[in-house]
Amino acid sequence: MTNINIEIPNSLHKQIKLKAVLKEITIKDYIIQTLDKSIK
C-alpha cells in the first residue's frame, strides 16, 4: 500500500470520523471504501 498525506479541514475530518465510527471501521478503511466506490 502507498501512503498519502493530505491536509483537510477539521470539519471534514469530524464528518469522516463520525461516519467511520458509525460503521465501526477505521477512518482509513472508510476513506478507502468511499474512494473505491466512487471510481468504480
Protein backbone atom coordinates (compact mmCIF):
# COMPACT_ATOMS: atom_id res chain seq x y z
CA MET A 1 0.00 0.00 0.00
CA THR A 2 1.06 3.56 -0.66
CA ASN A 3 0.95 6.30 1.96
CA ILE A 4 -0.76 9.56 1.06
CA ASN A 5 -0.75 12.54 3.41
CA ILE A 6 -3.27 15.30 2.86
CA GLU A 7 -4.47 18.25 4.89
CA ILE A 8 -8.22 18.54 5.29
CA PRO A 9 -10.36 20.99 7.24
CA ASN A 10 -11.21 19.97 10.81
CA SER A 11 -14.92 19.98 9.99
CA LEU A 12 -14.39 17.44 7.20
CA HIS A 13 -12.24 15.27 9.46
CA LYS A 14 -15.00 15.25 12.10
CA GLN A 15 -17.60 14.22 9.50
CA ILE A 16 -15.42 11.40 8.18
CA LYS A 17 -14.57 10.24 11.69
CA LEU A 18 -18.26 10.14 12.67
CA LYS A 19 -19.22 8.11 9.60
CA ALA A 20 -16.38 5.67 10.24
CA VAL A 21 -17.39 5.25 13.88
CA LEU A 22 -21.00 4.60 12.91
CA LYS A 23 -19.84 1.86 10.51
CA GLU A 24 -17.46 0.54 13.21
CA ILE A 25 -14.44 0.80 10.92
CA THR A 26 -11.26 2.87 10.92
CA ILE A 27 -11.08 6.24 9.21
CA LYS A 28 -8.52 4.73 6.83
CA ASP A 29 -10.86 1.89 5.86
CA TYR A 30 -13.79 4.27 5.49
CA ILE A 31 -11.83 6.52 3.13
CA ILE A 32 -10.56 3.57 1.08
CA GLN A 33 -14.08 2.13 0.76
CA THR A 34 -15.54 5.51 -0.19
CA LEU A 35 -12.88 6.22 -2.81
CA ASP A 36 -13.10 2.70 -4.19
CA LYS A 37 -16.87 3.04 -4.67
CA SER A 38 -16.54 6.44 -6.32
CA ILE A 39 -14.11 5.27 -9.00
CA LYS A 40 -16.00 2.13 -10.00
